[in-house]
Amino acid sequence: MRLLLRVVGTLLIALALILLIIDGTRSLAANGLVFTPLEATWTQIHAASLLGLRDFLETRLFGPLLNPVVSAILGFPGWAVVGVPGLLLAWAGRSRRERVFLRQDHI
């Protein structure tokens, strides 16, 4: 289970790094900070799935309550939305054993 958490966390961190590099490149080109919201990135990649998510939320019982939360999450930069869960998953999948380091004179 920890291996799966580490792999998924590493993949999310890699995706967040890619999105951060894209935002950094856009910031250099614009001579200012540019943070691309997740909604814009998702629309560029696959707009139909974003519309499917919105339609799915509208048909559910708690849809009206979740719609503002999802809209707020989609307004954050994509690298932050993907990177934070990636870091948490990688941290949750870390090795729990304590590492004992010996000095050379103790060997």
PDB file of N, CA and C in Angstrom:
ATOM      1  N   MET A   1       0.823  -1.189   0.000  1.00  0.00           N
ATOM      2  CA  MET A   1       0.000   0.000   0.000  1.00  0.00           C
ATOM      3  C   MET A   1       0.871   1.258   0.000  1.00  0.00           C
ATOM      4  N   ARG A   2       1.955   1.205   0.773  1.00  0.00           N
ATOM      5  CA  ARG A   2       2.825   2.381   0.816  1.00  0.00           C
ATOM      6  C   ARG A   2       3.479   2.634  -0.527  1.00  0.00           C
ATOM      7  N   LEU A   3       3.777   1.564  -1.246  1.00  0.00           N
ATOM      8  CA  LEU A   3       4.375   1.711  -2.563  1.00  0.00           C
ATOM      9  C   LEU A   3       3.419   2.440  -3.501  1.00  0.00           C
ATOM     10  N   LEU A   4       2.139   2.078  -3.449  1.00  0.00           N
ATOM     11  CA  LEU A   4       1.141   2.733  -4.288  1.00  0.00           C
ATOM     12  C   LEU A   4       1.022   4.212  -3.929  1.00  0.00           C
ATOM     13  N   LEU A   5       1.028   4.530  -2.643  1.00  0.00           N
ATOM     14  CA  LEU A   5       0.961   5.928  -2.218  1.00  0.00           C
ATOM     15  C   LEU A   5       2.166   6.718  -2.717  1.00  0.00           C
ATOM     16  N   ARG A   6       3.354   6.099  -2.624  1.00  0.00           N
ATOM     17  CA  ARG A   6       4.568   6.783  -3.087  1.00  0.00           C
ATOM     18  C   ARG A   6       4.557   6.988  -4.588  1.00  0.00           C
ATOM     19  N   VAL A   7       4.104   5.991  -5.342  1.00  0.00           N
ATOM     20  CA  VAL A   7       4.080   6.108  -6.802  1.00  0.00           C
ATOM     21  C   VAL A   7       3.095   7.174  -7.237  1.00  0.00           C
ATOM     22  N   VAL A   8       1.878   7.144  -6.697  1.00  0.00           N
ATOM     23  CA  VAL A   8       0.878   8.148  -7.060  1.00  0.00           C
ATOM     24  C   VAL A   8       1.335   9.534  -6.612  1.00  0.00           C
ATOM     25  N   GLY A   9       1.897   9.635  -5.426  1.00  0.00           N
ATOM     26  CA  GLY A   9       2.408  10.920  -4.944  1.00  0.00           C
ATOM     27  C   GLY A   9       3.516  11.459  -5.826  1.00  0.00           C
ATOM     28  N   THR A  10       4.419  10.574  -6.255  1.00  0.00           N
ATOM     29  CA  THR A  10       5.511  11.000  -7.129  1.00  0.00           C
ATOM     30  C   THR A  10       4.992  11.462  -8.486  1.00  0.00           C
ATOM     31  N   LEU A  11       4.002  10.759  -9.021  1.00  0.00           N
ATOM     32  CA  LEU A  11       3.420  11.179 -10.301  1.00  0.00           C
ATOM     33  C   LEU A  11       2.721  12.534 -10.186  1.00  0.00           C
ATOM     34  N   LEU A  12       2.008  12.749  -9.091  1.00  0.00           N
ATOM     35  CA  LEU A  12       1.353  14.046  -8.891  1.00  0.00           C
ATOM     36  C   LEU A  12       2.381  15.164  -8.699  1.00  0.00           C
ATOM     37  N   ILE A  13       3.458  14.881  -7.996  1.00  0.00           N
ATOM     38  CA  ILE A  13       4.513  15.884  -7.825  1.00  0.00           C
ATOM     39  C   ILE A  13       5.162  16.197  -9.167  1.00  0.00           C
ATOM     40  N   ALA A  14       5.360  15.176  -9.999  1.00  0.00           N
ATOM     41  CA  ALA A  14       5.937  15.399 -11.327  1.00  0.00           C
ATOM     42  C   ALA A  14       5.013  16.249 -12.181  1.00  0.00           C
ATOM     43  N   LEU A  15       3.708  15.982 -12.136  1.00  0.00           N
ATOM     44  CA  LEU A  15       2.752  16.796 -12.883  1.00  0.00           C
ATOM     45  C   LEU A  15       2.730  18.228 -12.365  1.00  0.00           C
ATOM     46  N   ALA A  16       2.792  18.390 -11.053  1.00  0.00           N
ATOM     47  CA  ALA A  16       2.823  19.733 -10.469  1.00  0.00           C
ATOM     48  C   ALA A  16       4.079  20.488 -10.904  1.00  0.00           C
ATOM     49  N   LEU A  17       5.199  19.786 -10.977  1.00  0.00           N
ATOM     50  CA  LEU A  17       6.438  20.413 -11.423  1.00  0.00           C
ATOM     51  C   LEU A  17       6.337  20.858 -12.883  1.00  0.00           C
ATOM     52  N   ILE A  18       5.713  20.044 -13.710  1.00  0.00           N
ATOM     53  CA  ILE A  18       5.514  20.414 -15.112  1.00  0.00           C
ATOM     54  C   ILE A  18       4.636  21.653 -15.214  1.00  0.00           C
ATOM     55  N   LEU A  19       3.543  21.682 -14.442  1.00  0.00           N
ATOM     56  CA  LEU A  19       2.658  22.853 -14.459  1.00  0.00           C
ATOM     57  C   LEU A  19       3.357  24.090 -13.917  1.00  0.00           C
ATOM     58  N   LEU A  20       4.217  23.915 -12.923  1.00  0.00           N
ATOM     59  CA  LEU A  20       4.977  25.039 -12.376  1.00  0.00           C
ATOM     60  C   LEU A  20       5.971  25.576 -13.402  1.00  0.00           C
ATOM     61  N   ILE A  21       6.603  24.689 -14.159  1.00  0.00           N
ATOM     62  CA  ILE A  21       7.537  25.129 -15.209  1.00  0.00           C
ATOM     63  C   ILE A  21       6.797  25.885 -16.299  1.00  0.00           C
ATOM     64  N   ILE A  22       5.593  25.422 -16.649  1.00  0.00           N
ATOM     65  CA  ILE A  22       4.797  26.129 -17.657  1.00  0.00           C
ATOM     66  C   ILE A  22       4.436  27.524 -17.156  1.00  0.00           C
ATOM     67  N   ASP A  23       4.003  27.631 -15.907  1.00  0.00           N
ATOM     68  CA  ASP A  23       3.685  28.951 -15.347  1.00  0.00           C
ATOM     69  C   ASP A  23       4.927  29.829 -15.247  1.00  0.00           C
ATOM     70  N   GLY A  24       6.066  29.226 -14.914  1.00  0.00           N
ATOM     71  CA  GLY A  24       7.311  30.002 -14.847  1.00  0.00           C
ATOM     72  C   GLY A  24       7.718  30.530 -16.211  1.00  0.00           C
ATOM     73  N   THR A  25       7.545  29.725 -17.236  1.00  0.00           N
ATOM     74  CA  THR A  25       7.872  30.166 -18.592  1.00  0.00           C
ATOM     75  C   THR A  25       6.952  31.294 -19.019  1.00  0.00           C
ATOM     76  N   ARG A  26       5.670  31.160 -18.710  1.00  0.00           N
ATOM     77  CA  ARG A  26       4.717  32.231 -19.042  1.00  0.00           C
ATOM     78  C   ARG A  26       5.032  33.506 -18.253  1.00  0.00           C
ATOM     79  N   SER A  27       5.491  33.341 -17.017  1.00  0.00           N
ATOM     80  CA  SER A  27       5.856  34.514 -16.207  1.00  0.00           C
ATOM     81  C   SER A  27       7.064  35.232 -16.793  1.00  0.00           C
ATOM     82  N   LEU A  28       8.031  34.460 -17.267  1.00  0.00           N
ATOM     83  CA  LEU A  28       9.199  35.087 -17.903  1.00  0.00           C
ATOM     84  C   LEU A  28       8.815  35.818 -19.175  1.00  0.00           C
ATOM     85  N   ALA A  29       7.905  35.252 -19.936  1.00  0.00           N
ATOM     86  CA  ALA A  29       7.481  35.895 -21.178  1.00  0.00           C
ATOM     87  C   ALA A  29       6.658  37.151 -20.912  1.00  0.00           C
ATOM     88  N   ALA A  30       5.914  37.170 -19.819  1.00  0.00           N
ATOM     89  CA  ALA A  30       5.050  38.314 -19.513  1.00  0.00           C
ATOM     90  C   ALA A  30       5.730  39.352 -18.633  1.00  0.00           C
ATOM     91  N   ASN A  31       6.957  39.109 -18.193  1.00  0.00           N
ATOM     92  CA  ASN A  31       7.665  40.004 -17.277  1.00  0.00           C
ATOM     93  C   ASN A  31       6.872  40.268 -16.002  1.00  0.00           C
ATOM     94  N   GLY A  32       6.206  39.257 -15.510  1.00  0.00           N
ATOM     95  CA  GLY A  32       5.435  39.343 -14.273  1.00  0.00           C
ATOM     96  C   GLY A  32       4.970  37.956 -13.885  1.00  0.00           C
ATOM     97  N   LEU A  33       4.416  37.853 -12.685  1.00  0.00           N
ATOM     98  CA  LEU A  33       3.948  36.555 -12.221  1.00  0.00           C
ATOM     99  C   LEU A  33       2.658  36.165 -12.933  1.00  0.00           C
ATOM    100  N   VAL A  34       2.629  34.954 -13.446  1.00  0.00           N
ATOM    101  CA  VAL A  34       1.443  34.417 -14.102  1.00  0.00           C
ATOM    102  C   VAL A  34       1.117  33.084 -13.444  1.00  0.00           C
ATOM    103  N   PHE A  35      -0.079  32.990 -12.883  1.00  0.00           N
ATOM    104  CA  PHE A  35      -0.557  31.750 -12.295  1.00  0.00           C
ATOM    105  C   PHE A  35      -1.768  31.299 -13.089  1.00  0.00           C
ATOM    106  N   THR A  36      -1.638  30.200 -13.793  1.00  0.00           N
ATOM    107  CA  THR A  36      -2.727  29.681 -14.608  1.00  0.00           C
ATOM    108  C   THR A  36      -3.654  28.859 -13.720  1.00  0.00           C
ATOM    109  N   PRO A  37      -4.943  29.220 -13.681  1.00  0.00           N
ATOM    110  CA  PRO A  37      -5.871  28.432 -12.852  1.00  0.00           C
ATOM    111  C   PRO A  37      -6.031  27.019 -13.405  1.00  0.00           C
ATOM    112  N   LEU A  38      -6.384  26.113 -12.528  1.00  0.00           N
ATOM    113  CA  LEU A  38      -6.576  24.724 -12.932  1.00  0.00           C
ATOM    114  C   LEU A  38      -7.680  24.600 -13.969  1.00  0.00           C
ATOM    115  N   GLU A  39      -8.689  25.433 -13.879  1.00  0.00           N
ATOM    116  CA  GLU A  39      -9.791  25.387 -14.835  1.00  0.00           C
ATOM    117  C   GLU A  39      -9.309  25.669 -16.253  1.00  0.00           C
ATOM    118  N   ALA A  40      -8.426  26.648 -16.417  1.00  0.00           N
ATOM    119  CA  ALA A  40      -7.904  26.962 -17.754  1.00  0.00           C
ATOM    120  C   ALA A  40      -7.035  25.827 -18.290  1.00  0.00           C
ATOM    121  N   THR A  41      -6.232  25.243 -17.426  1.00  0.00           N
ATOM    122  CA  THR A  41      -5.386  24.124 -17.843  1.00  0.00           C
ATOM    123  C   THR A  41      -6.238  22.917 -18.212  1.00  0.00           C
ATOM    124  N   TRP A  42      -7.242  22.636 -17.396  1.00  0.00           N
ATOM    125  CA  TRP A  42      -8.121  21.500 -17.655  1.00  0.00           C
ATOM    126  C   TRP A  42      -8.905  21.714 -18.949  1.00  0.00           C
ATOM    127  N   THR A  43      -9.329  22.944 -19.212  1.00  0.00           N
ATOM    128  CA  THR A  43     -10.059  23.243 -20.443  1.00  0.00           C
ATOM    129  C   THR A  43      -9.164  23.042 -21.658  1.00  0.00           C
ATOM    130  N   GLN A  44      -7.902  23.416 -21.550  1.00  0.00           N
ATOM    131  CA  GLN A  44      -6.979  23.219 -22.666  1.00  0.00           C
ATOM    132  C   GLN A  44      -6.712  21.740 -22.926  1.00  0.00           C
ATOM    133  N   ILE A  45      -6.661  20.936 -21.877  1.00  0.00           N
ATOM    134  CA  ILE A  45      -6.342  19.521 -22.031  1.00  0.00           C
ATOM    135  C   ILE A  45      -7.561  18.736 -22.517  1.00  0.00           C
ATOM    136  N   HIS A  46      -8.690  18.863 -21.813  1.00  0.00           N
ATOM    137  CA  HIS A  46      -9.882  18.098 -22.176  1.00  0.00           C
ATOM    138  C   HIS A  46     -11.113  18.805 -21.610  1.00  0.00           C
ATOM    139  N   ALA A  47     -11.724  19.668 -22.406  1.00  0.00           N
ATOM    140  CA  ALA A  47     -12.844  20.484 -21.934  1.00  0.00           C
ATOM    141  C   ALA A  47     -14.093  19.653 -21.665  1.00  0.00           C
ATOM    142  N   ALA A  48     -14.274  18.570 -22.406  1.00  0.00           N
ATOM    143  CA  ALA A  48     -15.487  17.761 -22.227  1.00  0.00           C
ATOM    144  C   ALA A  48     -15.545  17.125 -20.839  1.00  0.00           C
ATOM    145  N   SER A  49     -14.420  16.722 -20.292  1.00  0.00           N
ATOM    146  CA  SER A  49     -14.434  16.107 -18.959  1.00  0.00           C
ATOM    147  C   SER A  49     -14.755  17.142 -17.875  1.00  0.00           C
ATOM    148  N   LEU A  50     -14.331  18.379 -18.066  1.00  0.00           N
ATOM    149  CA  LEU A  50     -14.675  19.431 -17.104  1.00  0.00           C
ATOM    150  C   LEU A  50     -16.174  19.702 -17.135  1.00  0.00           C
ATOM    151  N   LEU A  51     -16.753  19.734 -18.325  1.00  0.00           N
ATOM    152  CA  LEU A  51     -18.206  19.903 -18.428  1.00  0.00           C
ATOM    153  C   LEU A  51     -18.938  18.695 -17.846  1.00  0.00           C
ATOM    154  N   GLY A  52     -18.376  17.507 -18.028  1.00  0.00           N
ATOM    155  CA  GLY A  52     -18.960  16.313 -17.427  1.00  0.00           C
ATOM    156  C   GLY A  52     -18.943  16.367 -15.910  1.00  0.00           C
ATOM    157  N   LEU A  53     -17.872  16.900 -15.332  1.00  0.00           N
ATOM    158  CA  LEU A  53     -17.793  17.053 -13.883  1.00  0.00           C
ATOM    159  C   LEU A  53     -18.853  18.032 -13.393  1.00  0.00           C
ATOM    160  N   ARG A  54     -18.994  19.133 -14.093  1.00  0.00           N
ATOM    161  CA  ARG A  54     -20.009  20.116 -13.683  1.00  0.00           C
ATOM    162  C   ARG A  54     -21.421  19.546 -13.808  1.00  0.00           C
ATOM    163  N   ASP A  55     -21.700  18.807 -14.881  1.00  0.00           N
ATOM    164  CA  ASP A  55     -23.007  18.164 -15.039  1.00  0.00           C
ATOM    165  C   ASP A  55     -23.244  17.120 -13.962  1.00  0.00           C
ATOM    166  N   PHE A  56     -22.199  16.366 -13.623  1.00  0.00           N
ATOM    167  CA  PHE A  56     -22.309  15.364 -12.565  1.00  0.00           C
ATOM    168  C   PHE A  56     -22.665  16.021 -11.237  1.00  0.00           C
ATOM    169  N   LEU A  57     -22.028  17.139 -10.912  1.00  0.00           N
ATOM    170  CA  LEU A  57     -22.302  17.815  -9.641  1.00  0.00           C
ATOM    171  C   LEU A  57     -23.704  18.411  -9.605  1.00  0.00           C
ATOM    172  N   GLU A  58     -24.213  18.857 -10.745  1.00  0.00           N
ATOM    173  CA  GLU A  58     -25.549  19.457 -10.767  1.00  0.00           C
ATOM    174  C   GLU A  58     -26.638  18.433 -10.506  1.00  0.00           C
ATOM    175  N   THR A  59     -26.385  17.158 -10.836  1.00  0.00           N
ATOM    176  CA  THR A  59     -27.420  16.134 -10.683  1.00  0.00           C
ATOM    177  C   THR A  59     -27.368  15.439  -9.327  1.00  0.00           C
ATOM    178  N   ARG A  60     -26.450  15.768  -8.469  1.00  0.00           N
ATOM    179  CA  ARG A  60     -26.321  15.109  -7.170  1.00  0.00           C
ATOM    180  C   ARG A  60     -27.017  15.908  -6.078  1.00  0.00           C
ATOM    181  N   LEU A  61     -27.271  15.241  -4.973  1.00  0.00           N
ATOM    182  CA  LEU A  61     -27.978  15.853  -3.847  1.00  0.00           C
ATOM    183  C   LEU A  61     -27.202  17.034  -3.276  1.00  0.00           C
ATOM    184  N   PHE A  62     -25.896  16.859  -3.081  1.00  0.00           N
ATOM    185  CA  PHE A  62     -25.088  17.920  -2.500  1.00  0.00           C
ATOM    186  C   PHE A  62     -24.417  18.783  -3.564  1.00  0.00           C
ATOM    187  N   GLY A  63     -24.879  18.704  -4.804  1.00  0.00           N
ATOM    188  CA  GLY A  63     -24.292  19.461  -5.903  1.00  0.00           C
ATOM    189  C   GLY A  63     -24.263  20.956  -5.666  1.00  0.00           C
ATOM    190  N   PRO A  64     -25.384  21.556  -5.240  1.00  0.00           N
ATOM    191  CA  PRO A  64     -25.351  23.002  -4.989  1.00  0.00           C
ATOM    192  C   PRO A  64     -24.387  23.411  -3.882  1.00  0.00           C
ATOM    193  N   LEU A  65     -24.139  22.513  -2.928  1.00  0.00           N
ATOM    194  CA  LEU A  65     -23.179  22.820  -1.872  1.00  0.00           C
ATOM    195  C   LEU A  65     -21.739  22.631  -2.350  1.00  0.00           C
ATOM    196  N   LEU A  66     -21.508  21.643  -3.219  1.00  0.00           N
ATOM    197  CA  LEU A  66     -20.156  21.360  -3.693  1.00  0.00           C
ATOM    198  C   LEU A  66     -19.724  22.266  -4.833  1.00  0.00           C
ATOM    199  N   ASN A  67     -20.677  22.847  -5.540  1.00  0.00           N
ATOM    200  CA  ASN A  67     -20.334  23.680  -6.697  1.00  0.00           C
ATOM    201  C   ASN A  67     -19.437  24.862  -6.333  1.00  0.00           C
ATOM    202  N   PRO A  68     -19.702  25.624  -5.264  1.00  0.00           N
ATOM    203  CA  PRO A  68     -18.771  26.704  -4.904  1.00  0.00           C
ATOM    204  C   PRO A  68     -17.394  26.198  -4.475  1.00  0.00           C
ATOM    205  N   VAL A  69     -17.354  25.038  -3.838  1.00  0.00           N
ATOM    206  CA  VAL A  69     -16.068  24.478  -3.410  1.00  0.00           C
ATOM    207  C   VAL A  69     -15.243  24.074  -4.628  1.00  0.00           C
ATOM    208  N   VAL A  70     -15.883  23.397  -5.583  1.00  0.00           N
ATOM    209  CA  VAL A  70     -15.187  22.976  -6.800  1.00  0.00           C
ATOM    210  C   VAL A  70     -14.754  24.194  -7.607  1.00  0.00           C
ATOM    211  N   SER A  71     -15.601  25.209  -7.672  1.00  0.00           N
ATOM    212  CA  SER A  71     -15.238  26.436  -8.399  1.00  0.00           C
ATOM    213  C   SER A  71     -14.039  27.123  -7.755  1.00  0.00           C
ATOM    214  N   ALA A  72     -13.976  27.108  -6.433  1.00  0.00           N
ATOM    215  CA  ALA A  72     -12.839  27.711  -5.741  1.00  0.00           C
ATOM    216  C   ALA A  72     -11.562  26.913  -6.002  1.00  0.00           C
ATOM    217  N   ILE A  73     -11.667  25.579  -5.978  1.00  0.00           N
ATOM    218  CA  ILE A  73     -10.493  24.746  -6.239  1.00  0.00           C
ATOM    219  C   ILE A  73     -10.008  24.936  -7.669  1.00  0.00           C
ATOM    220  N   LEU A  74     -10.945  25.053  -8.612  1.00  0.00           N
ATOM    221  CA  LEU A  74     -10.563  25.255 -10.005  1.00  0.00           C
ATOM    222  C   LEU A  74      -9.956  26.634 -10.244  1.00  0.00           C
ATOM    223  N   GLY A  75     -10.125  27.561  -9.329  1.00  0.00           N
ATOM    224  CA  GLY A  75      -9.545  28.891  -9.452  1.00  0.00           C
ATOM    225  C   GLY A  75      -8.105  28.977  -8.965  1.00  0.00           C
ATOM    226  N   PHE A  76      -7.660  27.997  -8.189  1.00  0.00           N
ATOM    227  CA  PHE A  76      -6.283  27.976  -7.704  1.00  0.00           C
ATOM    228  C   PHE A  76      -5.339  27.549  -8.821  1.00  0.00           C
ATOM    229  N   PRO A  77      -4.055  27.892  -8.705  1.00  0.00           N
ATOM    230  CA  PRO A  77      -3.089  27.428  -9.718  1.00  0.00           C
ATOM    231  C   PRO A  77      -3.039  25.900  -9.754  1.00  0.00           C
ATOM    232  N   GLY A  78      -2.891  25.365 -10.961  1.00  0.00           N
ATOM    233  CA  GLY A  78      -2.911  23.925 -11.140  1.00  0.00           C
ATOM    234  C   GLY A  78      -1.794  23.218 -10.408  1.00  0.00           C
ATOM    235  N   TRP A  79      -0.602  23.843 -10.362  1.00  0.00           N
ATOM    236  CA  TRP A  79       0.527  23.199  -9.700  1.00  0.00           C
ATOM    237  C   TRP A  79       0.280  23.064  -8.201  1.00  0.00           C
ATOM    238  N   ALA A  80      -0.463  23.994  -7.615  1.00  0.00           N
ATOM    239  CA  ALA A  80      -0.734  23.907  -6.178  1.00  0.00           C
ATOM    240  C   ALA A  80      -1.803  22.849  -5.885  1.00  0.00           C
ATOM    241  N   VAL A  81      -2.819  22.787  -6.752  1.00  0.00           N
ATOM    242  CA  VAL A  81      -3.907  21.832  -6.536  1.00  0.00           C
ATOM    243  C   VAL A  81      -3.416  20.400  -6.708  1.00  0.00           C
ATOM    244  N   VAL A  82      -2.476  20.185  -7.618  1.00  0.00           N
ATOM    245  CA  VAL A  82      -1.959  18.845  -7.866  1.00  0.00           C
ATOM    246  C   VAL A  82      -0.788  18.531  -6.921  1.00  0.00           C
ATOM    247  N   GLY A  83       0.012  19.522  -6.596  1.00  0.00           N
ATOM    248  CA  GLY A  83       1.219  19.302  -5.804  1.00  0.00           C
ATOM    249  C   GLY A  83       0.963  19.013  -4.343  1.00  0.00           C
ATOM    250  N   VAL A  84       0.009  19.673  -3.741  1.00  0.00           N
ATOM    251  CA  VAL A  84      -0.248  19.465  -2.310  1.00  0.00           C
ATOM    252  C   VAL A  84      -0.725  18.033  -2.027  1.00  0.00           C
ATOM    253  N   PRO A  85      -1.712  17.512  -2.774  1.00  0.00           N
ATOM    254  CA  PRO A  85      -2.051  16.100  -2.534  1.00  0.00           C
ATOM    255  C   PRO A  85      -0.898  15.152  -2.868  1.00  0.00           C
ATOM    256  N   GLY A  86      -0.096  15.499  -3.861  1.00  0.00           N
ATOM    257  CA  GLY A  86       1.055  14.671  -4.196  1.00  0.00           C
ATOM    258  C   GLY A  86       2.050  14.610  -3.055  1.00  0.00           C
ATOM    259  N   LEU A  87       2.328  15.744  -2.444  1.00  0.00           N
ATOM    260  CA  LEU A  87       3.234  15.767  -1.295  1.00  0.00           C
ATOM    261  C   LEU A  87       2.665  14.991  -0.112  1.00  0.00           C
ATOM    262  N   LEU A  88       1.358  15.131   0.124  1.00  0.00           N
ATOM    263  CA  LEU A  88       0.735  14.408   1.229  1.00  0.00           C
ATOM    264  C   LEU A  88       0.753  12.900   0.998  1.00  0.00           C
ATOM    265  N   LEU A  89       0.494  12.472  -0.241  1.00  0.00           N
ATOM    266  CA  LEU A  89       0.529  11.044  -0.534  1.00  0.00           C
ATOM    267  C   LEU A  89       1.945  10.487  -0.430  1.00  0.00           C
ATOM    268  N   ALA A  90       2.915  11.231  -0.929  1.00  0.00           N
ATOM    269  CA  ALA A  90       4.302  10.779  -0.827  1.00  0.00           C
ATOM    270  C   ALA A  90       4.741  10.720   0.635  1.00  0.00           C
ATOM    271  N   TRP A  91       4.302  11.662   1.439  1.00  0.00           N
ATOM    272  CA  TRP A  91       4.634  11.656   2.863  1.00  0.00           C
ATOM    273  C   TRP A  91       3.961  10.486   3.574  1.00  0.00           C
ATOM    274  N   ALA A  92       2.695  10.194   3.196  1.00  0.00           N
ATOM    275  CA  ALA A  92       1.973   9.088   3.830  1.00  0.00           C
ATOM    276  C   ALA A  92       2.582   7.736   3.448  1.00  0.00           C
ATOM    277  N   GLY A  93       3.206   7.657   2.291  1.00  0.00           N
ATOM    278  CA  GLY A  93       3.793   6.402   1.859  1.00  0.00           C
ATOM    279  C   GLY A  93       5.248   6.241   2.200  1.00  0.00           C
ATOM    280  N   ARG A  94       5.784   7.128   3.002  1.00  0.00           N
ATOM    281  CA  ARG A  94       7.208   7.057   3.320  1.00  0.00           C
ATOM    282  C   ARG A  94       7.510   5.843   4.184  1.00  0.00           C
ATOM    283  N   SER A  95       8.746   5.503   4.247  1.00  0.00           N
ATOM    284  CA  SER A  95       9.208   4.388   5.062  1.00  0.00           C
ATOM    285  C   SER A  95       9.162   4.796   6.520  1.00  0.00           C
ATOM    286  N   ARG A  96       8.588   3.968   7.363  1.00  0.00           N
ATOM    287  CA  ARG A  96       8.389   4.320   8.766  1.00  0.00           C
ATOM    288  C   ARG A  96       9.565   3.932   9.668  1.00  0.00           C
ATOM    289  N   ARG A  97      10.464   3.131   9.204  1.00  0.00           N
ATOM    290  CA  ARG A  97      11.549   2.681  10.064  1.00  0.00           C
ATOM    291  C   ARG A  97      12.538   3.819  10.342  1.00  0.00           C
ATOM    292  N   GLU A  98      13.100   3.755  11.520  1.00  0.00           N
ATOM    293  CA  GLU A  98      14.093   4.761  11.883  1.00  0.00           C
ATOM    294  C   GLU A  98      15.440   4.362  11.311  1.00  0.00           C
ATOM    295  N   ARG A  99      16.116   5.298  10.794  1.00  0.00           N
ATOM    296  CA  ARG A  99      17.424   5.037  10.238  1.00  0.00           C
ATOM    297  C   ARG A  99      18.472   5.384  11.302  1.00  0.00           C
ATOM    298  N   VAL A 100      19.371   4.480  11.519  1.00  0.00           N
ATOM    299  CA  VAL A 100      20.421   4.683  12.505  1.00  0.00           C
ATOM    300  C   VAL A 100      21.718   4.928  11.739  1.00  0.00           C
ATOM    301  N   PHE A 101      22.303   6.059  11.977  1.00  0.00           N
ATOM    302  CA  PHE A 101      23.555   6.406  11.323  1.00  0.00           C
ATOM    303  C   PHE A 101      24.684   6.306  12.347  1.00  0.00           C
ATOM    304  N   LEU A 102      25.685   5.560  11.987  1.00  0.00           N
ATOM    305  CA  LEU A 102      26.847   5.403  12.858  1.00  0.00           C
ATOM    306  C   LEU A 102      28.004   6.214  12.335  1.00  0.00           C
ATOM    307  N   ARG A 103      28.734   6.751  13.282  1.00  0.00           N
ATOM    308  CA  ARG A 103      29.966   7.416  12.876  1.00  0.00           C
ATOM    309  C   ARG A 103      30.999   6.374  12.523  1.00  0.00           C
ATOM    310  N   GLN A 104      31.967   6.777  11.786  1.00  0.00           N
ATOM    311  CA  GLN A 104      32.967   5.838  11.301  1.00  0.00           C
ATOM    312  C   GLN A 104      33.790   5.246  12.468  1.00  0.00           C
ATOM    313  N   ASP A 105      33.984   6.001  13.511  1.00  0.00           N
ATOM    314  CA  ASP A 105      34.776   5.484  14.617  1.00  0.00           C
ATOM    315  C   ASP A 105      33.976   4.477  15.483  1.00  0.00           C
ATOM    316  N   HIS A 106      32.675   4.344  15.296  1.00  0.00           N
ATOM    317  CA  HIS A 106      31.871   3.366  16.023  1.00  0.00           C
ATOM    318  C   HIS A 106      31.759   2.051  15.307  1.00  0.00           C
ATOM    319  N   ILE A 107      32.272   1.972  14.115  1.00  0.00           N
ATOM    320  CA  ILE A 107      32.158   0.726  13.331  1.00  0.00           C
ATOM    321  C   ILE A 107      33.203  -0.265  13.739  1.00  0.00           C
TER     322      ILE A 107
END
